[in-house]
Amino acid sequence: MHGRPRKAPKPEDEAASSAKAQKLRALQTQFFSFHHNKIYTKEAVELSAKLLEINPESYTAWNYRKLAVEHYLNLPDCNPDSIKSVLDDELRVVENALRQNFKSYGAWHHRKWVLSKGHSSIDNELRLLDKFQKADSRNFHAWNYRRFVAESMKRSEQDELKYTEDMIYANFSNYSAWHNRSVLLSALFDKKAEGFLLKEKVLPEEYEFIHQAIFTDPDDQSGWVYHLWLLDQTVTTDSPLLASSWPGHGSDVLLVGDRCYNGSAFSPFSALHSDSGSFPIVLYFNQPVRGVNSSTVTVECGFNKNEDLLWKPLSASNSQTARVWVAHLKVSSSDLHSTVEVSVGHTKGIISTRGFEYSHPSMLSFKVHVQPMERDSSQVSVAESISLREENFKVYGKQSEESIIDSFDQLIIKNGHETTASNWRFEALAKEIECFRELLSLVDCKIGKLTLARLLKAYDAMSYPFANKLVHSEEVLELYSDLMKLDRTHYQFYKDERSIVLLQKVTSSKGSLLQHCFQYKDSVSSAICGPICLRLNNLSLSRMGAFEKLLWVQMLDLSHNELQSIEGLEAMQLLSCLSLRNNKLRSLTALEPLRKLKLLRILDISYNQIGDHSIDTTRYVCSSPLSHSVGSELNRDETVTSDVALINNWEAFYIFKDFNLNQLDIVGNTIADEKFKSVLVKIMPKLKQLDGKLLD
């Protein structure tokens, strides 16, 4: 355990262990007999105590004792003295069990249960805890129990904060004490207690405190974990903010009815092809929120009633909390020119996962121009194949570049009210950056480099809305590159972080974005919408990010990267054409974010690793397997059981059944044999091309 080598047991140890096991089996046999027959005599209860002294992890024995206590408390002759006697016996049994194993979940839980009855004194509990915490000052069970006792005694958070400080000074490497300190400070901040009303007064002192631990022993991780919590407290605003939206404020949206936009006075950022006569309104918040509905977000326009709009969260789970929310606005073909006003948060109800209200109301206004087009039947031809290959692109002309530049500023919402409020945050981050640069000049410390990268990244993210550039991006990229070489164990984590920083750099300025914007052929195809293709290919990306700046993208080339996940791509509601060719996607369930892209028509997932692995482990990377939504919305009335091929390919069915693709490329994956392709054709009857071949 914890890196300690196993030693071969001595003969006398084996004999003692065998005797203990035999005694334990005999006790268990007799105990289960009492338990099943609901016998709560003194002899039966004492036997359970003997069993728990040998094996404190016997949850059944603890539950039996709870039943026995309830039995005694409900006897007709029960009085206050007998109640106290019964509960005191329980506390003694727990204490004896904890002496055998003071990390026993069952024992600590049982002690809480006894005290919650309200008939026992808790005055002795802190003294008992002192004994256990001297034996192991980092025992998180004892710290958890201490929080319970402190709350029961109505002991103030300030007193407990002083206690954690004493414990930390006794041992800097006390993870549990640092964690308890973060819990206490969070409670004091939430209560806005005296002396803790403003974070800018408290956090600088906490930074000074943690520096003592980090500079004393840079290789000890406990202080670094607490520093990461302090950094989160520094950069995270309490109230959620609207980070970006589509359509952008002040923009003009050209909605083309039948044929794609092709060269007009309108920005290619805002031209959209729509078969359904509607378009999405996308709101992207800086943190997950709930409560986005027709009451908290009002949309005023001449062709749609606000109450008819249904706002939906876009997240990987089935949660009603998300950063990104979308509603589809139906457009009237008779109203060719309209103004739409979107009011966000003027009515309370939008709340973050941390319980804070959206307190900075926003107003967005944009114009919608409808261009209905009738297609002559003589012009209908076979479907044109769309290929995002190098030879199919050309660089934008000067006029097109100017239209992109004019539209770029409309994409991001600048929250000017944060400028003053963030001054102390800038100062705190600047001091920390200076501090850790000094530390790294003295020692070569991996976690120090990681912390410096996080600080620089946080500083740039906070200053970007005002400075319109990322000052430290090159340094951060270099730090993550060094970490990928120094610490191969966490190589993938560093690579993912580096990928996000690289994407933030690419999308941080008009100039850097233009280097990745290309025009597809002559942009006359009715299968694609808008002439811009954002090409983020060959960047060694292993993870996607910066979605708040990519809401406008309709054509996206992510080919020849190292993506294993495309989580977050569901925010890009305008995507109609997507290439994921030559990546490292390992399963069909990795495509789940695409199910929420209702405008997606062309998808290339060729030459990935789909089918290489018999078990899809990527779905369990999320917080819980239960939060994965593949198949969770199963309609029991759907008659798929009659088709054996669909039953055997249920993941393909649930991933692709809601797609409205015209063109799909899947060649080069292990799963892509002829049998599987025939299944795809059954699932998607509207599919016109598969791996470059026209379908009947």
Foldseek 3Di string as FASTA:
>chain_A
DVPDDDDDDDPVVVVVVVVLVVVLVVLVVVLVVCQVVVNLDPVNLVSLLVNLLSPVQPLVSLVSLVSSLVVQCPDPPDDLVNNAVSLVVLLVSLLSSCVVPVLHPNSLVSNLVSVVVVSDDLPCVVVVLVVVCVVPVQNLSSVVSVVVSCVVVVPALVVLLVVLLVSCVVPVLRLNSLVSNLVSLVVCCVVCPVVNVDVLRPLVVVVVVLVVSCVVPVVRCSSVVSVVSSLCVLQDDQAKDFWWKPPFFAAEAEEEEFFFDADDPHALLRYAYDPQQKDKIKTFIPAKKAQDALVQKPKDKDADHSNVWGKQAQAQFPDRIHRMIMTIGHDDPVDFKMKMKMKHGPDWGIAGPVGHINDDIDMGMYMYGYHYDDDDPVPDDAADDDDPDPVQWDADDPVNLVSLQVSQVRGTDQDVVCPVVSPSSLVSLVVVLVVLVVVCVVDPHLSSLVVNLVSLVSNQVVCLSPPLARPCLVVSLVSLVVSLVVPVVCNVVSLQVSLQSVVCRCLSHSVSQSVQWIFGHSPGHRQFHGGTEGEPDPPQHQEDDPVSSVLSHAHYEHDHHAHQADGPCLSNQNHAEYEHHHYAHAELLSLQSVLNNANHAYYEHAQYAYPVDPDDPVCCVDPHVNRRCQCVPPDPPDPPVVPPLCVVVVSLLSRPLSHAYQEYEHHNYPVPDPSVVVVNCVSHVNHQYYNRDGDD
